[in-house]
Protein backbone atom coordinates (compact mmCIF):
# COMPACT_ATOMS: atom_id res chain seq x y z
CA MET A 1 -232.71 3.88 37.86
CA LEU A 2 -236.41 3.22 37.12
CA GLY A 3 -235.94 2.55 33.48
CA ALA A 4 -233.25 -0.43 34.49
CA LEU A 5 -235.71 -1.86 37.29
CA LEU A 6 -238.67 -2.00 34.04
CA ALA A 7 -236.20 -3.94 31.77
CA LEU A 8 -235.48 -5.48 34.41
CA CYS A 9 -238.85 -6.38 35.42
CA LEU A 10 -239.79 -7.31 31.43
CA PHE A 11 -236.74 -9.58 31.42
CA PHE A 12 -237.53 -11.81 33.97
CA SER A 13 -241.33 -12.39 32.99
CA TRP A 14 -240.47 -13.07 29.37
CA VAL A 15 -237.65 -15.68 30.64
CA THR A 16 -239.84 -17.16 32.42
CA TYR A 17 -242.99 -17.22 30.62
CA ALA A 18 -244.69 -20.71 30.43
CA GLU A 19 -247.78 -21.73 30.01
CA GLN A 20 -249.44 -23.16 33.62
CA GLN A 21 -251.30 -26.83 33.39
CA PRO A 22 -254.62 -26.69 35.75
CA ILE A 23 -254.26 -28.75 38.65
CA GLY A 24 -256.52 -30.56 40.95
CA ALA A 25 -260.54 -29.91 41.24
CA GLU A 26 -260.11 -27.60 38.06
CA ALA A 27 -258.22 -29.75 36.11
CA ALA A 28 -260.65 -32.74 36.71
CA GLU A 29 -263.86 -31.06 35.45
CA ARG A 30 -261.86 -30.03 32.07
CA LEU A 31 -260.86 -33.54 31.55
CA LEU A 32 -263.95 -34.68 32.36
CA ASP A 33 -265.75 -32.13 29.98
CA GLN A 34 -263.22 -34.26 27.78
CA VAL A 35 -264.29 -37.17 29.09
CA ASP A 36 -268.14 -37.08 27.64
CA GLU A 37 -267.10 -35.61 24.18
CA LYS A 38 -265.08 -38.46 23.08
CA PHE A 39 -265.63 -41.33 24.78
CA PRO A 40 -268.93 -43.94 24.60
CA ARG A 41 -270.08 -44.08 28.32
CA THR A 42 -270.15 -47.92 27.75
CA GLY A 43 -266.65 -48.77 29.79
CA SER A 44 -264.12 -48.72 32.32
CA VAL A 45 -262.17 -46.02 33.94
CA VAL A 46 -258.95 -45.90 36.02
CA VAL A 47 -258.13 -42.76 37.58
CA LEU A 48 -254.33 -42.79 38.82
CA GLY A 49 -252.55 -39.79 41.08
CA ARG A 50 -249.64 -38.55 43.14
CA MET A 51 -249.57 -38.36 47.19
CA THR A 52 -249.55 -34.67 46.77
CA ASN A 53 -253.49 -32.70 47.97
CA ASP A 54 -253.59 -31.69 44.82
CA SER A 55 -253.71 -35.28 43.08
CA LYS A 56 -256.00 -36.15 45.48
CA THR A 57 -258.45 -33.07 44.49
CA PHE A 58 -257.79 -34.51 40.85
CA CYS A 59 -258.72 -37.93 41.55
CA LYS A 60 -261.86 -37.63 44.03
CA MET A 61 -263.21 -35.25 41.71
CA MET A 62 -262.88 -37.47 38.61
CA GLY A 63 -263.95 -40.43 40.58
CA ALA A 64 -267.29 -38.97 41.24
CA GLY A 65 -267.67 -37.13 38.25
CA LEU A 66 -267.48 -40.36 36.61
CA LYS A 67 -269.60 -41.64 38.90
CA GLU A 68 -272.42 -39.20 38.42
CA ARG A 69 -272.01 -39.04 34.39
CA GLY A 70 -272.41 -42.39 34.24
């Protein structure tokens, strides 16, 4: 019985395993680092997002971070 439960846990862990993408503030921090490395400071940037709390947080963090970094 315990073996069957363990097998089911392992099976569903394997079937549903997927890489997770960062959202919100964590995503903004990672992207700001990439922007610093790859793009010159002279230019314009448009930050867009969906109408979700995570997207709003992401857009606010990106906007503030880009302004701060020049």
